[in-house]
Amino acid sequence: MHPDQIIRFFGMDSTKFNAVLFGNGLIHSTYMVKDGSGVPAYVLQHVNHHVFKKPMDISDNLDALGQHLKAIESDYFLPLPMRTVEGAPYAMIDGRYFRLTPFVAGSHALDVCTTPGQAYEAALQFGQFTSVFSGFKTENLKETIPGFHDLSFRWQQFTEALECGNRDRIRSTQQEIGILKERKDIVERFETFRTDPDCRLRVTHHDTKISNVLFNEQEKGICVIDLDTVMPGYFISDLGDMFRTYLSPVHEEESDYSLISVRKEFRDAILEGYLTHMKHELTEKEQGLLLYAGEFMIYMQALRFLTDHINDDAYYGARYAGHNLIRCRNQIALLDAFCA
């Protein structure tokens, strides 16, 4: 069924709209739905149920967050999907899940963080997101991707890959394996962190790349989007992912590692923006671990890329031979720069 036709499940006249492929997301297929004048009206997404194996858990989480905002009479803007004419969160077509969300007028997203001001605005939005749900009971949220940012679990996957993975790839990556083993202290600090009562579970976004914030024409943040990974989590996930994806002037795909650096003015902007809303939410112990958040996330991503390379690119896939090894080396270089 053509995307144009899917919107009728949400009570729309499909003859008055046109859906075109939109964005470069790796997980979901996304379409911009425009009206007859070519003005964006809705965002249609095919939810990848191979990654999110229980899509109804996502809608349950969003319902719970929306109900919480109503209960506390908050005017915080959370862009939530629409219901179908039958009241369902998704249109089910041939076993696939589709959802429709109103387009936020006057908004745009960024693919790359190019200024400290953008880093500040994005961090401000993600900090506010967690802060506004400070009174929400995290046990009421479902884990949409089990173990997503569990570093101990990722370490276990790594060690299992070293036992069962591609022997040729293991032999050829001894240097990278050795580097990650030498930095196992980052895993040990995580294990200590999550057992400390002063390190708390909160409503956490878990995917804080710059493209998950909408900006207005004045480059001010409007809201956060892509709420599928909202789960109980630790602040180091959101802060760490901003460090990982905003600080370097080049992407994780870059193979010229000499171009990788940490832009300190971006780091300062992230901290200032995030702490605007989170300074009084974080415990004293957590405030002492702000920079550990970067080590945690960058190291975990290096670990995941190397694990996937050893496992013949079963999770991320590869566009060319050694793709995930390049990504791993990129993240190791970023970790070195971050810790310098």
C-alpha atoms as a PDB file:
ATOM      1  CA  MET A   1       0.000   0.000   0.000  1.00  0.00           C
ATOM      2  CA  HIS A   2       1.332   3.430  -0.966  1.00  0.00           C
ATOM      3  CA  PRO A   3       2.072   5.746   1.997  1.00  0.00           C
ATOM      4  CA  ASP A   4      -0.500   8.231   0.676  1.00  0.00           C
ATOM      5  CA  GLN A   5      -3.234   5.646   1.300  1.00  0.00           C
ATOM      6  CA  ILE A   6      -2.173   4.813   4.864  1.00  0.00           C
ATOM      7  CA  ILE A   7      -3.281   8.140   6.280  1.00  0.00           C
ATOM      8  CA  ARG A   8      -6.933   7.252   5.678  1.00  0.00           C
ATOM      9  CA  PHE A   9      -6.649   4.888   8.645  1.00  0.00           C
ATOM     10  CA  PHE A  10      -6.260   8.058  10.710  1.00  0.00           C
ATOM     11  CA  GLY A  11      -9.388   9.679   9.291  1.00  0.00           C
ATOM     12  CA  MET A  12      -7.668  11.710   6.579  1.00  0.00           C
ATOM     13  CA  ASP A  13      -8.793  12.087   2.989  1.00  0.00           C
ATOM     14  CA  SER A  14      -5.853  10.495   1.206  1.00  0.00           C
ATOM     15  CA  THR A  15      -6.655  12.362  -2.032  1.00  0.00           C
ATOM     16  CA  LYS A  16      -5.765  15.660  -0.357  1.00  0.00           C
ATOM     17  CA  PHE A  17      -2.272  14.682   0.789  1.00  0.00           C
ATOM     18  CA  ASN A  18       0.983  13.479  -0.685  1.00  0.00           C
ATOM     19  CA  ALA A  19       3.597  11.436   1.195  1.00  0.00           C
ATOM     20  CA  VAL A  20       7.291  11.616   0.245  1.00  0.00           C
ATOM     21  CA  LEU A  21      10.246   9.796   1.780  1.00  0.00           C
ATOM     22  CA  PHE A  22      11.872  11.991   4.387  1.00  0.00           C
ATOM     23  CA  GLY A  23      15.110  12.047   6.394  1.00  0.00           C
ATOM     24  CA  ASN A  24      17.935   9.533   6.666  1.00  0.00           C
ATOM     25  CA  GLY A  25      16.918   7.484   9.713  1.00  0.00           C
ATOM     26  CA  LEU A  26      18.527   4.074   9.991  1.00  0.00           C
ATOM     27  CA  ILE A  27      15.726   2.350  11.904  1.00  0.00           C
ATOM     28  CA  HIS A  28      12.315   3.516  10.678  1.00  0.00           C
ATOM     29  CA  SER A  29      11.070   4.492   7.220  1.00  0.00           C
ATOM     30  CA  THR A  30       9.768   8.061   7.513  1.00  0.00           C
ATOM     31  CA  TYR A  31       7.540  10.053   5.165  1.00  0.00           C
ATOM     32  CA  MET A  32       6.612  13.720   5.129  1.00  0.00           C
ATOM     33  CA  VAL A  33       2.904  14.089   4.432  1.00  0.00           C
ATOM     34  CA  LYS A  34       2.134  17.366   2.644  1.00  0.00           C
ATOM     35  CA  ASP A  35      -1.207  18.961   1.892  1.00  0.00           C
ATOM     36  CA  GLY A  36      -2.362  20.071  -1.547  1.00  0.00           C
ATOM     37  CA  SER A  37      -0.323  23.275  -1.264  1.00  0.00           C
ATOM     38  CA  GLY A  38       2.853  21.353  -0.496  1.00  0.00           C
ATOM     39  CA  VAL A  39       2.867  22.419   3.153  1.00  0.00           C
ATOM     40  CA  PRO A  40       4.078  19.752   5.629  1.00  0.00           C
ATOM     41  CA  ALA A  41       1.150  18.516   7.707  1.00  0.00           C
ATOM     42  CA  TYR A  42       2.089  15.148   9.217  1.00  0.00           C
ATOM     43  CA  VAL A  43       4.984  12.745   9.672  1.00  0.00           C
ATOM     44  CA  LEU A  44       4.228   9.116   8.820  1.00  0.00           C
ATOM     45  CA  GLN A  45       6.520   6.368  10.074  1.00  0.00           C
ATOM     46  CA  HIS A  46       6.761   2.652   9.516  1.00  0.00           C
ATOM     47  CA  VAL A  47       7.980   1.395  12.893  1.00  0.00           C
ATOM     48  CA  ASN A  48      10.712  -1.213  12.586  1.00  0.00           C
ATOM     49  CA  HIS A  49       9.394  -4.103  14.665  1.00  0.00           C
ATOM     50  CA  HIS A  50      12.585  -6.082  14.129  1.00  0.00           C
ATOM     51  CA  VAL A  51      14.457  -3.532  16.261  1.00  0.00           C
ATOM     52  CA  PHE A  52      11.513  -2.618  18.499  1.00  0.00           C
ATOM     53  CA  LYS A  53      10.098  -6.084  18.976  1.00  0.00           C
ATOM     54  CA  LYS A  54       7.136  -4.874  21.032  1.00  0.00           C
ATOM     55  CA  PRO A  55       5.870  -1.685  19.354  1.00  0.00           C
ATOM     56  CA  MET A  56       2.904  -1.533  21.724  1.00  0.00           C
ATOM     57  CA  ASP A  57       5.379  -0.929  24.565  1.00  0.00           C
ATOM     58  CA  ILE A  58       6.378   2.315  22.837  1.00  0.00           C
ATOM     59  CA  SER A  59       2.782   3.514  22.632  1.00  0.00           C
ATOM     60  CA  ASP A  60       2.147   2.474  26.254  1.00  0.00           C
ATOM     61  CA  ASN A  61       5.145   4.537  27.347  1.00  0.00           C
ATOM     62  CA  LEU A  62       4.030   7.587  25.391  1.00  0.00           C
ATOM     63  CA  ASP A  63       0.509   7.282  26.767  1.00  0.00           C
ATOM     64  CA  ALA A  64       1.904   7.154  30.302  1.00  0.00           C
ATOM     65  CA  LEU A  65       4.065  10.235  29.732  1.00  0.00           C
ATOM     66  CA  GLY A  66       1.183  12.160  28.189  1.00  0.00           C
ATOM     67  CA  GLN A  67      -1.102  11.268  31.091  1.00  0.00           C
ATOM     68  CA  HIS A  68       1.546  12.425  33.549  1.00  0.00           C
ATOM     69  CA  LEU A  69       1.800  15.825  31.876  1.00  0.00           C
ATOM     70  CA  LYS A  70      -1.972  16.192  32.100  1.00  0.00           C
ATOM     71  CA  ALA A  71      -1.987  15.144  35.747  1.00  0.00           C
ATOM     72  CA  ILE A  72       0.567  17.789  36.729  1.00  0.00           C
ATOM     73  CA  GLU A  73      -1.089  20.347  34.408  1.00  0.00           C
ATOM     74  CA  SER A  74       2.178  20.972  32.586  1.00  0.00           C
ATOM     75  CA  ASP A  75       2.328  22.935  29.335  1.00  0.00           C
ATOM     76  CA  TYR A  76       5.492  21.068  28.319  1.00  0.00           C
ATOM     77  CA  PHE A  77       5.260  20.257  24.600  1.00  0.00           C
ATOM     78  CA  LEU A  78       5.603  16.565  23.791  1.00  0.00           C
ATOM     79  CA  PRO A  79       4.752  15.730  20.151  1.00  0.00           C
ATOM     80  CA  LEU A  80       2.690  12.547  20.460  1.00  0.00           C
ATOM     81  CA  PRO A  81       1.322  10.334  17.642  1.00  0.00           C
ATOM     82  CA  MET A  82      -2.328  10.406  16.657  1.00  0.00           C
ATOM     83  CA  ARG A  83      -4.813   7.580  17.120  1.00  0.00           C
ATOM     84  CA  THR A  84      -6.461   5.766  14.219  1.00  0.00           C
ATOM     85  CA  VAL A  85     -10.199   6.131  13.611  1.00  0.00           C
ATOM     86  CA  GLU A  86     -10.579   2.951  15.679  1.00  0.00           C
ATOM     87  CA  GLY A  87      -8.589   4.425  18.551  1.00  0.00           C
ATOM     88  CA  ALA A  88      -5.449   2.349  17.995  1.00  0.00           C
ATOM     89  CA  PRO A  89      -1.922   3.805  18.283  1.00  0.00           C
ATOM     90  CA  TYR A  90      -0.864   2.230  14.978  1.00  0.00           C
ATOM     91  CA  ALA A  91      -2.386   1.394  11.635  1.00  0.00           C
ATOM     92  CA  MET A  92      -1.665  -2.305  11.127  1.00  0.00           C
ATOM     93  CA  ILE A  93      -1.089  -3.154   7.474  1.00  0.00           C
ATOM     94  CA  ASP A  94       0.241  -6.569   6.396  1.00  0.00           C
ATOM     95  CA  GLY A  95       1.763  -7.098   9.828  1.00  0.00           C
ATOM     96  CA  ARG A  96       3.527  -3.724   9.771  1.00  0.00           C
ATOM     97  CA  TYR A  97       3.059  -0.853  12.189  1.00  0.00           C
ATOM     98  CA  PHE A  98       2.448   2.697  10.949  1.00  0.00           C
ATOM     99  CA  ARG A  99       1.935   5.824  13.045  1.00  0.00           C
ATOM    100  CA  LEU A 100       1.073   9.411  12.205  1.00  0.00           C
ATOM    101  CA  THR A 101       2.275  12.489  14.093  1.00  0.00           C
ATOM    102  CA  PRO A 102       1.277  16.105  13.387  1.00  0.00           C
ATOM    103  CA  PHE A 103       4.137  18.101  11.875  1.00  0.00           C
ATOM    104  CA  VAL A 104       5.421  20.843  14.181  1.00  0.00           C
ATOM    105  CA  ALA A 105       4.887  24.026  12.196  1.00  0.00           C
ATOM    106  CA  GLY A 106       7.915  26.245  11.712  1.00  0.00           C
ATOM    107  CA  SER A 107      10.325  23.525  12.810  1.00  0.00           C
ATOM    108  CA  HIS A 108      13.331  21.864  11.271  1.00  0.00           C
ATOM    109  CA  ALA A 109      15.893  19.276  12.352  1.00  0.00           C
ATOM    110  CA  LEU A 110      19.674  19.291  11.980  1.00  0.00           C
ATOM    111  CA  ASP A 111      21.815  16.375  10.821  1.00  0.00           C
ATOM    112  CA  VAL A 112      25.058  17.770  12.251  1.00  0.00           C
ATOM    113  CA  CYS A 113      25.867  19.967  15.262  1.00  0.00           C
ATOM    114  CA  THR A 114      27.959  22.803  13.812  1.00  0.00           C
ATOM    115  CA  THR A 115      27.901  25.507  16.510  1.00  0.00           C
ATOM    116  CA  PRO A 116      28.131  25.648  20.310  1.00  0.00           C
ATOM    117  CA  GLY A 117      24.764  27.408  20.258  1.00  0.00           C
ATOM    118  CA  GLN A 118      23.127  24.376  18.673  1.00  0.00           C
ATOM    119  CA  ALA A 119      24.804  22.101  21.225  1.00  0.00           C
ATOM    120  CA  TYR A 120      23.510  24.309  24.043  1.00  0.00           C
ATOM    121  CA  GLU A 121      19.940  24.369  22.715  1.00  0.00           C
ATOM    122  CA  ALA A 122      19.827  20.602  22.191  1.00  0.00           C
ATOM    123  CA  ALA A 123      21.243  19.896  25.651  1.00  0.00           C
ATOM    124  CA  LEU A 124      18.754  22.356  27.121  1.00  0.00           C
ATOM    125  CA  GLN A 125      15.901  20.412  25.521  1.00  0.00           C
ATOM    126  CA  PHE A 126      17.105  16.992  26.648  1.00  0.00           C
ATOM    127  CA  GLY A 127      17.750  18.257  30.164  1.00  0.00           C
ATOM    128  CA  GLN A 128      14.289  19.782  30.338  1.00  0.00           C
ATOM    129  CA  PHE A 129      12.749  16.547  29.057  1.00  0.00           C
ATOM    130  CA  THR A 130      14.156  14.511  31.943  1.00  0.00           C
ATOM    131  CA  SER A 131      13.511  17.281  34.461  1.00  0.00           C
ATOM    132  CA  VAL A 132       9.817  17.703  33.620  1.00  0.00           C
ATOM    133  CA  PHE A 133       9.253  14.016  34.378  1.00  0.00           C
ATOM    134  CA  SER A 134      11.111  14.104  37.685  1.00  0.00           C
ATOM    135  CA  GLY A 135       7.941  13.063  39.519  1.00  0.00           C
ATOM    136  CA  PHE A 136       7.185  10.180  37.170  1.00  0.00           C
ATOM    137  CA  LYS A 137       7.646   6.638  38.505  1.00  0.00           C
ATOM    138  CA  THR A 138      10.102   4.975  36.156  1.00  0.00           C
ATOM    139  CA  GLU A 139       8.719   1.526  36.949  1.00  0.00           C
ATOM    140  CA  ASN A 140       5.700   2.574  34.874  1.00  0.00           C
ATOM    141  CA  LEU A 141       7.880   2.704  31.752  1.00  0.00           C
ATOM    142  CA  LYS A 142       8.593  -0.385  29.681  1.00  0.00           C
ATOM    143  CA  GLU A 143      12.045  -1.228  28.345  1.00  0.00           C
ATOM    144  CA  THR A 144      11.614  -0.906  24.590  1.00  0.00           C
ATOM    145  CA  ILE A 145      15.138  -2.206  23.818  1.00  0.00           C
ATOM    146  CA  PRO A 146      16.293  -4.449  26.687  1.00  0.00           C
ATOM    147  CA  GLY A 147      19.890  -3.823  27.750  1.00  0.00           C
ATOM    148  CA  PHE A 148      20.266  -0.918  25.324  1.00  0.00           C
ATOM    149  CA  HIS A 149      22.726   1.114  27.444  1.00  0.00           C
ATOM    150  CA  ASP A 150      23.733  -1.608  29.885  1.00  0.00           C
ATOM    151  CA  LEU A 151      27.526  -1.498  29.584  1.00  0.00           C
ATOM    152  CA  SER A 152      27.978  -4.723  31.555  1.00  0.00           C
ATOM    153  CA  PHE A 153      25.700  -6.478  29.078  1.00  0.00           C
ATOM    154  CA  ARG A 154      27.647  -5.007  26.153  1.00  0.00           C
ATOM    155  CA  TRP A 155      30.892  -6.227  27.736  1.00  0.00           C
ATOM    156  CA  GLN A 156      29.379  -9.704  28.028  1.00  0.00           C
ATOM    157  CA  GLN A 157      28.436  -9.626  24.339  1.00  0.00           C
ATOM    158  CA  PHE A 158      32.018  -8.608  23.537  1.00  0.00           C
ATOM    159  CA  THR A 159      33.556 -11.472  25.523  1.00  0.00           C
ATOM    160  CA  GLU A 160      31.136 -13.952  23.939  1.00  0.00           C
ATOM    161  CA  ALA A 161      32.150 -12.681  20.506  1.00  0.00           C
ATOM    162  CA  LEU A 162      35.806 -13.299  21.383  1.00  0.00           C
ATOM    163  CA  GLU A 163      34.890 -16.899  22.163  1.00  0.00           C
ATOM    164  CA  CYS A 164      32.508 -17.625  19.294  1.00  0.00           C
ATOM    165  CA  GLY A 165      33.126 -15.005  16.628  1.00  0.00           C
ATOM    166  CA  ASN A 166      35.038 -14.962  13.345  1.00  0.00           C
ATOM    167  CA  ARG A 167      38.521 -16.258  14.203  1.00  0.00           C
ATOM    168  CA  ASP A 168      40.215 -14.427  11.331  1.00  0.00           C
ATOM    169  CA  ARG A 169      38.703 -11.122  12.437  1.00  0.00           C
ATOM    170  CA  ILE A 170      39.696 -11.769  16.028  1.00  0.00           C
ATOM    171  CA  ARG A 171      43.308 -12.404  14.992  1.00  0.00           C
ATOM    172  CA  SER A 172      43.423  -9.241  12.884  1.00  0.00           C
ATOM    173  CA  THR A 173      41.986  -6.981  15.594  1.00  0.00           C
ATOM    174  CA  GLN A 174      44.232  -7.875  18.513  1.00  0.00           C
ATOM    175  CA  GLN A 175      45.324  -4.257  18.901  1.00  0.00           C
ATOM    176  CA  GLU A 176      41.738  -2.972  19.206  1.00  0.00           C
ATOM    177  CA  ILE A 177      40.767  -5.852  21.476  1.00  0.00           C
ATOM    178  CA  GLY A 178      43.740  -5.065  23.717  1.00  0.00           C
ATOM    179  CA  ILE A 179      42.849  -1.362  23.915  1.00  0.00           C
ATOM    180  CA  LEU A 180      39.267  -2.085  24.934  1.00  0.00           C
ATOM    181  CA  LYS A 181      40.374  -4.656  27.489  1.00  0.00           C
ATOM    182  CA  GLU A 182      42.825  -2.152  28.974  1.00  0.00           C
ATOM    183  CA  ARG A 183      39.941   0.277  29.483  1.00  0.00           C
ATOM    184  CA  LYS A 184      37.703  -2.224  31.267  1.00  0.00           C
ATOM    185  CA  ASP A 185      37.834   0.140  34.241  1.00  0.00           C
ATOM    186  CA  ILE A 186      35.050   2.060  32.467  1.00  0.00           C
ATOM    187  CA  VAL A 187      32.846  -1.045  32.759  1.00  0.00           C
ATOM    188  CA  GLU A 188      33.807  -1.510  36.403  1.00  0.00           C
ATOM    189  CA  ARG A 189      32.917   2.118  37.169  1.00  0.00           C
ATOM    190  CA  PHE A 190      29.529   1.584  35.528  1.00  0.00           C
ATOM    191  CA  GLU A 191      28.868  -1.456  37.707  1.00  0.00           C
ATOM    192  CA  THR A 192      29.709   0.601  40.779  1.00  0.00           C
ATOM    193  CA  PHE A 193      27.639   3.505  39.484  1.00  0.00           C
ATOM    194  CA  ARG A 194      24.393   1.621  39.019  1.00  0.00           C
ATOM    195  CA  THR A 195      24.519  -0.004  42.450  1.00  0.00           C
ATOM    196  CA  ASP A 196      24.989   3.342  44.187  1.00  0.00           C
ATOM    197  CA  PRO A 197      21.676   4.658  45.632  1.00  0.00           C
ATOM    198  CA  ASP A 198      22.829   8.194  44.793  1.00  0.00           C
ATOM    199  CA  CYS A 199      22.845   7.298  41.080  1.00  0.00           C
ATOM    200  CA  ARG A 200      19.196   7.287  40.124  1.00  0.00           C
ATOM    201  CA  LEU A 201      16.975   5.938  37.397  1.00  0.00           C
ATOM    202  CA  ARG A 202      15.033   8.640  35.578  1.00  0.00           C
ATOM    203  CA  VAL A 203      12.949   9.110  32.449  1.00  0.00           C
ATOM    204  CA  THR A 204      15.743   9.103  29.870  1.00  0.00           C
ATOM    205  CA  HIS A 205      15.663   9.627  26.102  1.00  0.00           C
ATOM    206  CA  HIS A 206      18.643   7.344  25.246  1.00  0.00           C
ATOM    207  CA  ASP A 207      19.213   8.758  21.724  1.00  0.00           C
ATOM    208  CA  THR A 208      20.287  12.375  22.073  1.00  0.00           C
ATOM    209  CA  LYS A 209      21.806  13.026  18.657  1.00  0.00           C
ATOM    210  CA  ILE A 210      21.179  16.513  17.310  1.00  0.00           C
ATOM    211  CA  SER A 211      18.590  15.294  14.776  1.00  0.00           C
ATOM    212  CA  ASN A 212      16.269  14.356  17.631  1.00  0.00           C
ATOM    213  CA  VAL A 213      15.663  17.993  18.541  1.00  0.00           C
ATOM    214  CA  LEU A 214      13.407  20.306  16.555  1.00  0.00           C
ATOM    215  CA  PHE A 215      14.597  23.905  16.092  1.00  0.00           C
ATOM    216  CA  ASN A 216      12.694  27.027  15.109  1.00  0.00           C
ATOM    217  CA  GLU A 217      13.820  29.584  12.517  1.00  0.00           C
ATOM    218  CA  GLN A 218      15.872  31.410  15.161  1.00  0.00           C
ATOM    219  CA  GLU A 219      17.788  28.170  15.900  1.00  0.00           C
ATOM    220  CA  LYS A 220      16.156  27.833  19.318  1.00  0.00           C
ATOM    221  CA  GLY A 221      15.110  24.383  20.457  1.00  0.00           C
ATOM    222  CA  ILE A 222      11.392  23.593  20.387  1.00  0.00           C
ATOM    223  CA  CYS A 223      11.131  20.010  21.632  1.00  0.00           C
ATOM    224  CA  VAL A 224      12.669  16.555  21.528  1.00  0.00           C
ATOM    225  CA  ILE A 225      11.405  13.911  19.108  1.00  0.00           C
ATOM    226  CA  ASP A 226      11.940  10.222  18.302  1.00  0.00           C
ATOM    227  CA  LEU A 227      10.668   8.998  21.652  1.00  0.00           C
ATOM    228  CA  ASP A 228      10.871   5.251  20.946  1.00  0.00           C
ATOM    229  CA  THR A 229      13.910   4.747  23.179  1.00  0.00           C
ATOM    230  CA  VAL A 230      12.443   6.614  26.158  1.00  0.00           C
ATOM    231  CA  MET A 231      12.944   4.200  29.051  1.00  0.00           C
ATOM    232  CA  PRO A 232      14.147   4.190  32.634  1.00  0.00           C
ATOM    233  CA  GLY A 233      17.829   5.098  32.487  1.00  0.00           C
ATOM    234  CA  TYR A 234      20.744   7.024  33.915  1.00  0.00           C
ATOM    235  CA  PHE A 235      21.714  10.579  33.096  1.00  0.00           C
ATOM    236  CA  ILE A 236      25.051   9.342  31.728  1.00  0.00           C
ATOM    237  CA  SER A 237      23.199   7.898  28.730  1.00  0.00           C
ATOM    238  CA  ASP A 238      21.750  11.200  27.530  1.00  0.00           C
ATOM    239  CA  LEU A 239      24.668  13.433  28.483  1.00  0.00           C
ATOM    240  CA  GLY A 240      27.176  10.879  27.216  1.00  0.00           C
ATOM    241  CA  ASP A 241      25.484  10.509  23.836  1.00  0.00           C
ATOM    242  CA  MET A 242      25.572  14.272  23.353  1.00  0.00           C
ATOM    243  CA  PHE A 243      29.300  14.279  24.106  1.00  0.00           C
ATOM    244  CA  ARG A 244      29.805  11.378  21.713  1.00  0.00           C
ATOM    245  CA  THR A 245      27.899  12.877  18.796  1.00  0.00           C
ATOM    246  CA  TYR A 246      28.431  16.662  19.152  1.00  0.00           C
ATOM    247  CA  LEU A 247      32.061  17.074  20.229  1.00  0.00           C
ATOM    248  CA  SER A 248      34.005  15.861  17.213  1.00  0.00           C
ATOM    249  CA  PRO A 249      33.945  17.908  13.993  1.00  0.00           C
ATOM    250  CA  VAL A 250      33.687  14.631  12.035  1.00  0.00           C
ATOM    251  CA  HIS A 251      31.201  11.752  12.096  1.00  0.00           C
ATOM    252  CA  GLU A 252      31.711   8.228  13.454  1.00  0.00           C
ATOM    253  CA  GLU A 253      32.154   7.076   9.830  1.00  0.00           C
ATOM    254  CA  GLU A 254      35.369   9.101   9.397  1.00  0.00           C
ATOM    255  CA  SER A 255      38.402   6.934   8.613  1.00  0.00           C
ATOM    256  CA  ASP A 256      40.983   9.741   8.828  1.00  0.00           C
ATOM    257  CA  TYR A 257      41.393   9.579  12.590  1.00  0.00           C
ATOM    258  CA  SER A 258      43.659  12.644  12.622  1.00  0.00           C
ATOM    259  CA  LEU A 259      40.526  14.719  12.013  1.00  0.00           C
ATOM    260  CA  ILE A 260      38.924  13.552  15.257  1.00  0.00           C
ATOM    261  CA  SER A 261      39.130  16.009  18.117  1.00  0.00           C
ATOM    262  CA  VAL A 262      37.094  17.292  21.049  1.00  0.00           C
ATOM    263  CA  ARG A 263      35.781  20.813  20.628  1.00  0.00           C
ATOM    264  CA  LYS A 264      35.898  22.067  24.213  1.00  0.00           C
ATOM    265  CA  GLU A 265      33.555  24.976  23.542  1.00  0.00           C
ATOM    266  CA  PHE A 266      30.931  22.424  22.454  1.00  0.00           C
ATOM    267  CA  ARG A 267      31.540  20.386  25.614  1.00  0.00           C
ATOM    268  CA  ASP A 268      31.039  23.480  27.766  1.00  0.00           C
ATOM    269  CA  ALA A 269      27.869  24.388  25.850  1.00  0.00           C
ATOM    270  CA  ILE A 270      26.436  20.898  26.366  1.00  0.00           C
ATOM    271  CA  LEU A 271      27.101  21.038  30.101  1.00  0.00           C
ATOM    272  CA  GLU A 272      25.634  24.524  30.434  1.00  0.00           C
ATOM    273  CA  GLY A 273      22.485  23.613  28.525  1.00  0.00           C
ATOM    274  CA  TYR A 274      21.912  20.271  30.228  1.00  0.00           C
ATOM    275  CA  LEU A 275      22.516  21.583  33.741  1.00  0.00           C
ATOM    276  CA  THR A 276      20.118  24.495  33.247  1.00  0.00           C
ATOM    277  CA  HIS A 277      17.313  22.083  34.126  1.00  0.00           C
ATOM    278  CA  MET A 278      19.237  19.170  35.625  1.00  0.00           C
ATOM    279  CA  LYS A 279      21.650  20.805  38.089  1.00  0.00           C
ATOM    280  CA  HIS A 280      19.171  20.558  40.952  1.00  0.00           C
ATOM    281  CA  GLU A 281      17.904  17.143  39.831  1.00  0.00           C
ATOM    282  CA  LEU A 282      21.295  15.413  39.940  1.00  0.00           C
ATOM    283  CA  THR A 283      22.710  14.222  43.239  1.00  0.00           C
ATOM    284  CA  GLU A 284      26.112  15.402  44.410  1.00  0.00           C
ATOM    285  CA  LYS A 285      27.560  12.017  43.423  1.00  0.00           C
ATOM    286  CA  GLU A 286      26.103  12.309  39.928  1.00  0.00           C
ATOM    287  CA  GLN A 287      27.423  15.837  39.484  1.00  0.00           C
ATOM    288  CA  GLY A 288      30.883  14.454  40.076  1.00  0.00           C
ATOM    289  CA  LEU A 289      30.433  12.040  37.161  1.00  0.00           C
ATOM    290  CA  LEU A 290      29.532  14.454  34.375  1.00  0.00           C
ATOM    291  CA  LEU A 291      32.636  13.751  32.306  1.00  0.00           C
ATOM    292  CA  TYR A 292      32.467  10.026  33.014  1.00  0.00           C
ATOM    293  CA  ALA A 293      29.260  10.126  30.962  1.00  0.00           C
ATOM    294  CA  GLY A 294      31.373  10.748  27.849  1.00  0.00           C
ATOM    295  CA  GLU A 295      33.812   7.941  28.626  1.00  0.00           C
ATOM    296  CA  PHE A 296      30.911   5.577  29.266  1.00  0.00           C
ATOM    297  CA  MET A 297      29.095   6.243  26.012  1.00  0.00           C
ATOM    298  CA  ILE A 298      32.077   6.519  23.674  1.00  0.00           C
ATOM    299  CA  TYR A 299      33.643   3.357  25.074  1.00  0.00           C
ATOM    300  CA  MET A 300      30.366   1.446  24.830  1.00  0.00           C
ATOM    301  CA  GLN A 301      29.959   2.383  21.183  1.00  0.00           C
ATOM    302  CA  ALA A 302      33.523   1.328  20.377  1.00  0.00           C
ATOM    303  CA  LEU A 303      32.797  -1.964  22.122  1.00  0.00           C
ATOM    304  CA  ARG A 304      29.585  -2.488  20.160  1.00  0.00           C
ATOM    305  CA  PHE A 305      31.207  -1.712  16.804  1.00  0.00           C
ATOM    306  CA  LEU A 306      34.082  -4.138  17.418  1.00  0.00           C
ATOM    307  CA  THR A 307      31.693  -6.810  18.695  1.00  0.00           C
ATOM    308  CA  ASP A 308      29.661  -6.500  15.512  1.00  0.00           C
ATOM    309  CA  HIS A 309      32.769  -6.644  13.329  1.00  0.00           C
ATOM    310  CA  ILE A 310      33.845  -9.874  15.041  1.00  0.00           C
ATOM    311  CA  ASN A 311      30.318 -11.256  14.628  1.00  0.00           C
ATOM    312  CA  ASP A 312      30.413 -10.661  10.848  1.00  0.00           C
ATOM    313  CA  ASP A 313      28.414  -7.414  11.011  1.00  0.00           C
ATOM    314  CA  ALA A 314      25.243  -9.194  12.101  1.00  0.00           C
ATOM    315  CA  TYR A 315      23.721  -6.200  13.936  1.00  0.00           C
ATOM    316  CA  TYR A 316      24.751  -2.954  12.247  1.00  0.00           C
ATOM    317  CA  GLY A 317      25.508  -4.400   8.857  1.00  0.00           C
ATOM    318  CA  ALA A 318      28.378  -3.060   6.744  1.00  0.00           C
ATOM    319  CA  ARG A 319      28.470  -1.013   3.551  1.00  0.00           C
ATOM    320  CA  TYR A 320      32.014  -2.150   2.825  1.00  0.00           C
ATOM    321  CA  ALA A 321      34.581  -4.614   4.183  1.00  0.00           C
ATOM    322  CA  GLY A 322      35.788  -3.550   7.622  1.00  0.00           C
ATOM    323  CA  HIS A 323      33.117  -0.871   8.042  1.00  0.00           C
ATOM    324  CA  ASN A 324      32.462  -1.597  11.717  1.00  0.00           C
ATOM    325  CA  LEU A 325      36.181  -1.879  12.424  1.00  0.00           C
ATOM    326  CA  ILE A 326      36.632   1.631  11.014  1.00  0.00           C
ATOM    327  CA  ARG A 327      33.807   2.827  13.255  1.00  0.00           C
ATOM    328  CA  CYS A 328      35.410   1.143  16.267  1.00  0.00           C
ATOM    329  CA  ARG A 329      38.792   2.771  15.602  1.00  0.00           C
ATOM    330  CA  ASN A 330      37.019   6.106  15.161  1.00  0.00           C
ATOM    331  CA  GLN A 331      35.436   5.802  18.585  1.00  0.00           C
ATOM    332  CA  ILE A 332      38.705   4.709  20.193  1.00  0.00           C
ATOM    333  CA  ALA A 333      40.337   7.855  18.771  1.00  0.00           C
ATOM    334  CA  LEU A 334      37.466   9.937  20.125  1.00  0.00           C
ATOM    335  CA  LEU A 335      37.801   8.311  23.543  1.00  0.00           C
ATOM    336  CA  ASP A 336      41.520   9.161  23.569  1.00  0.00           C
ATOM    337  CA  ALA A 337      40.758  12.770  22.664  1.00  0.00           C
ATOM    338  CA  PHE A 338      38.006  13.002  25.255  1.00  0.00           C
ATOM    339  CA  CYS A 339      40.200  11.645  28.041  1.00  0.00           C
ATOM    340  CA  ALA A 340      43.266  13.713  27.094  1.00  0.00           C
END
